[in-house]
Structures are given as structure tokens and as C-alpha cells.
């Protein structure tokens, strides 16, 4: 029987920022130092909540907000971070990705949220979901996101 030790370094509500990355680097370095890098896998779940944003009337995209129902709502048009923004996020996370040393690494890329349904029944949310080619647009945008993360 295989036995695995799991160490969870996740913090509820954690947001990618320079100071947050610095704190997580210290935590991860401690864990990696205590283990065998050849037999350790680090799973990174860093970009999922930063990929999606909402945009109303051409304004600057904003993050979805948590509503009274406990769900996140996309007010207006759903937009997905482009190559430049994802590159910036990956650069910000690079010290954390490097802190994994020679451990195996898995980076979870964003899934296709809101591809087949909006955040709720409000017609002012996810307003572009009914546009022709929406699903294909999302697939292509997420493919570009994954490529940026991988590269």
C-alpha cells in the first residue's frame, strides 16, 4: 500500500501579491527542506481566481464580487485575462514556482467557468454568454492562458 504525506499551505482568500508570494515562499522552502525533493510533488493553484473578470460598458475589468447568496457574480461582460496580464501574474508568482526546487510541479490552470451557464439568472450578468462563438472564444482564451502559464 502506498502512503502519501500531504501538507496543505493554502489560505482561504489568499490573493497573489508580492508580499503574499514572499510569505508562501518561506513556507514552501521549509516544507521542501524537510522532505525528499525526488519524491515530492508541489501542486500550485495560483491563477484560477485571477483569470476571470467582469466589464461593464467598456470600463476597466474588475474581479467578480461575492453576492449575498455566497456566490461570485460577473456583472456585465465576462472577460478573460490576456497574454500580457497572465504573463504579469506568472512573473509575480515566479519566486513561488522556483521555491519548489527540483520537486515535481503541477500547475492547475483555469477551468472553463461560465462556459455553458452564467453565474446566476440575472440578465445583466455574463452578458456575452449568448453571443455567437462565445464557447469557442472562451476555449481559445483559456488555451492562450495555459500556454502563457506553461511557457
Protein backbone atom coordinates (compact mmCIF):
# COMPACT_ATOMS: atom_id res chain seq x y z
CA UNK A 1 0.00 0.00 0.00
CA UNK A 2 1.30 3.45 -0.93
CA UNK A 3 1.21 6.09 1.76
CA UNK A 4 1.41 9.77 0.96
CA UNK A 5 2.03 12.69 3.27
CA UNK A 6 0.17 15.83 2.33
CA UNK A 7 0.99 19.33 3.50
CA UNK A 8 -1.57 21.98 2.66
CA UNK A 9 -0.19 25.51 2.50
CA UNK A 10 -3.45 27.02 1.25
CA UNK A 11 -5.02 30.00 2.98
CA UNK A 12 -8.68 30.79 2.42
CA UNK A 13 -8.98 34.05 0.49
CA UNK A 14 -5.27 34.13 -0.41
CA UNK A 15 -4.54 36.56 -3.21
CA UNK A 16 -1.48 36.67 -5.43
CA UNK A 17 0.66 39.65 -4.49
CA UNK A 18 4.36 40.27 -3.96
CA UNK A 19 4.08 40.13 -0.16
CA UNK A 20 1.81 37.08 -0.22
CA UNK A 21 4.24 35.28 -2.52
CA UNK A 22 7.16 36.13 -0.20
CA UNK A 23 5.32 34.59 2.77
CA UNK A 24 4.39 31.45 0.82
CA UNK A 25 7.95 31.06 -0.49
CA UNK A 26 9.20 30.86 3.11
CA UNK A 27 6.56 28.25 3.99
CA UNK A 28 7.25 26.17 0.88
CA UNK A 29 11.01 26.29 1.34
CA UNK A 30 10.58 24.90 4.88
CA UNK A 31 8.43 22.03 3.63
CA UNK A 32 10.77 21.23 0.72
CA UNK A 33 13.81 21.31 3.04
CA UNK A 34 12.19 18.74 5.33
CA UNK A 35 11.38 16.29 2.53
CA UNK A 36 12.92 14.43 -0.36
CA UNK A 37 12.58 16.56 -3.49
CA UNK A 38 12.83 13.48 -5.70
CA UNK A 39 9.66 12.12 -4.08
CA UNK A 40 7.76 15.37 -3.59
CA UNK A 41 5.15 16.93 -5.84
CA UNK A 42 4.07 20.54 -5.40
CA UNK A 43 0.61 21.45 -6.68
CA UNK A 44 0.15 25.13 -7.49
CA UNK A 45 -3.36 26.57 -7.68
CA UNK A 46 -2.47 30.23 -8.16
CA UNK A 47 -4.20 31.70 -11.19
CA UNK A 48 -7.73 30.30 -11.25
CA UNK A 49 -9.45 33.20 -9.50
CA UNK A 50 -7.39 35.82 -11.32
CA UNK A 51 -8.26 34.72 -14.83
CA UNK A 52 -11.86 35.93 -14.94
CA UNK A 53 -13.12 39.47 -14.66
CA UNK A 54 -16.24 41.45 -15.46
CA UNK A 55 -16.53 44.52 -17.59
CA UNK A 56 -19.42 46.96 -17.77
CA UNK A 57 -19.69 49.46 -20.63
CA UNK A 58 -16.01 49.33 -21.55
CA UNK A 59 -14.81 50.15 -18.04
CA UNK A 60 -11.64 48.64 -16.67
CA UNK A 61 -12.23 44.94 -15.87
CA UNK A 62 -12.93 44.17 -12.22
CA UNK A 63 -12.94 40.90 -10.29
CA UNK A 64 -16.28 39.17 -9.77
CA UNK A 65 -17.82 40.08 -6.42
CA UNK A 66 -19.31 37.77 -3.82
CA UNK A 67 -23.04 38.30 -3.55
CA UNK A 68 -25.41 37.83 -0.63
CA UNK A 69 -26.01 34.28 -1.86
CA UNK A 70 -22.34 33.42 -1.26
CA UNK A 71 -21.62 33.03 -4.99
CA UNK A 72 -19.35 35.17 -7.13
CA UNK A 73 -21.16 37.26 -9.72
CA UNK A 74 -19.93 38.53 -13.08
CA UNK A 75 -21.67 41.88 -13.52
CA UNK A 76 -21.65 42.78 -17.20
CA UNK A 77 -19.46 41.06 -19.77
CA UNK A 78 -17.17 38.19 -18.81
CA UNK A 79 -13.56 38.82 -19.83
CA UNK A 80 -10.54 36.55 -19.55
CA UNK A 81 -7.04 37.78 -18.76
CA UNK A 82 -4.96 38.11 -21.90
CA UNK A 83 -1.40 37.05 -22.56
CA UNK A 84 0.10 40.25 -21.13
CA UNK A 85 -1.89 40.10 -17.88
CA UNK A 86 -1.22 36.36 -17.43
CA UNK A 87 2.47 36.99 -18.09
CA UNK A 88 2.45 39.61 -15.34
CA UNK A 89 0.76 37.18 -12.94
CA UNK A 90 3.19 34.37 -13.75
CA UNK A 91 6.13 36.75 -13.22
CA UNK A 92 4.67 37.71 -9.86
CA UNK A 93 4.37 34.03 -8.90
CA UNK A 94 7.80 33.02 -10.24
CA UNK A 95 9.58 33.07 -6.84
CA UNK A 96 6.96 30.67 -5.51
CA UNK A 97 7.24 28.41 -8.54
CA UNK A 98 11.02 28.35 -8.11
CA UNK A 99 10.74 27.63 -4.38
CA UNK A 100 9.57 24.14 -5.31
CA UNK A 101 13.17 23.39 -6.25
CA UNK A 102 13.56 20.14 -8.15
CA UNK A 103 10.25 18.74 -6.90
CA UNK A 104 7.74 17.64 -9.50
CA UNK A 105 5.35 20.53 -10.13
CA UNK A 106 1.73 20.61 -11.20
CA UNK A 107 0.23 23.99 -12.04
CA UNK A 108 -3.55 23.91 -12.15
CA UNK A 109 -4.78 26.07 -14.98
CA UNK A 110 -8.16 27.79 -15.01
CA UNK A 111 -11.19 25.71 -15.98
CA UNK A 112 -13.91 26.93 -18.30
CA UNK A 113 -16.14 28.68 -15.77
CA UNK A 114 -19.35 30.15 -17.15
CA UNK A 115 -18.91 28.36 -20.48
CA UNK A 116 -22.37 26.80 -20.51
CA UNK A 117 -24.15 28.97 -17.99
CA UNK A 118 -23.78 32.29 -16.27
CA UNK A 119 -23.17 32.97 -12.62
CA UNK A 120 -26.90 33.34 -11.96
CA UNK A 121 -30.18 34.18 -13.72
CA UNK A 122 -29.59 37.96 -13.72
CA UNK A 123 -29.61 39.08 -17.39
CA UNK A 124 -27.08 41.82 -16.54
CA UNK A 125 -24.50 39.21 -15.53
CA UNK A 126 -22.29 37.35 -18.04
CA UNK A 127 -23.92 39.42 -20.76
CA UNK A 128 -21.81 37.97 -23.57
CA UNK A 129 -22.68 34.33 -22.85
CA UNK A 130 -25.33 34.29 -25.60
CA UNK A 131 -23.07 35.85 -28.24
CA UNK A 132 -22.28 33.72 -31.26
CA UNK A 133 -18.94 31.97 -30.84
CA UNK A 134 -18.80 32.59 -27.07
CA UNK A 135 -17.81 28.99 -26.18
CA UNK A 136 -15.09 28.91 -28.85
CA UNK A 137 -13.83 32.34 -27.72
CA UNK A 138 -13.55 31.01 -24.16
CA UNK A 139 -11.74 27.84 -25.25
CA UNK A 140 -9.21 29.86 -27.26
CA UNK A 141 -8.68 32.41 -24.49
CA UNK A 142 -8.08 29.66 -21.91
CA UNK A 143 -5.74 27.85 -24.29
CA UNK A 144 -3.69 31.06 -24.55
CA UNK A 145 -3.78 31.35 -20.74
CA UNK A 146 -2.48 27.80 -20.33
CA UNK A 147 0.26 28.43 -22.90
CA UNK A 148 1.37 31.56 -21.05
CA UNK A 149 1.47 29.72 -17.72
CA UNK A 150 3.37 26.79 -19.24
CA UNK A 151 5.92 28.99 -21.04
